[in-house]
Amino acid sequence: MNELTNKQRNVIVKINEYVIKNKYAPTTRELADLLNHKSTSTTHGHLVKLRKKGYVDWVESKPRTLRVLRGEEIYEGTFAKGSSVERKGANRLFDR
């Protein structure tokens, strides 16, 4: 399995939090803002690496098509039982 860096894990977490809250995927600019990146190219670089590792995918030149393909191992043991992420079904994010 390809290991993720802490920054890559954080990108996946932020994408999932955004989708849970808004019911649609963030744009690269919105994701950059959530990650406190000054440039979208930094965010895009993380996304490209995550795509190569099989964690995310998107449709080229189409907004809001970013989706997480896998990453449930990121959440194992991370959230307390009964937390908002658990109640909203974080694992459903990976069933797409």
Foldseek 3Di string as FASTA:
>chain_A
DDDDDPLLLVLVVLQLVCCLVPVFGAFLVVSCVVVVHPDSVVSVVSVVVCVVVPQWDADPPDGRRIAGQDDVVSCVVPDDPPDPCVVSPSVVSNVD
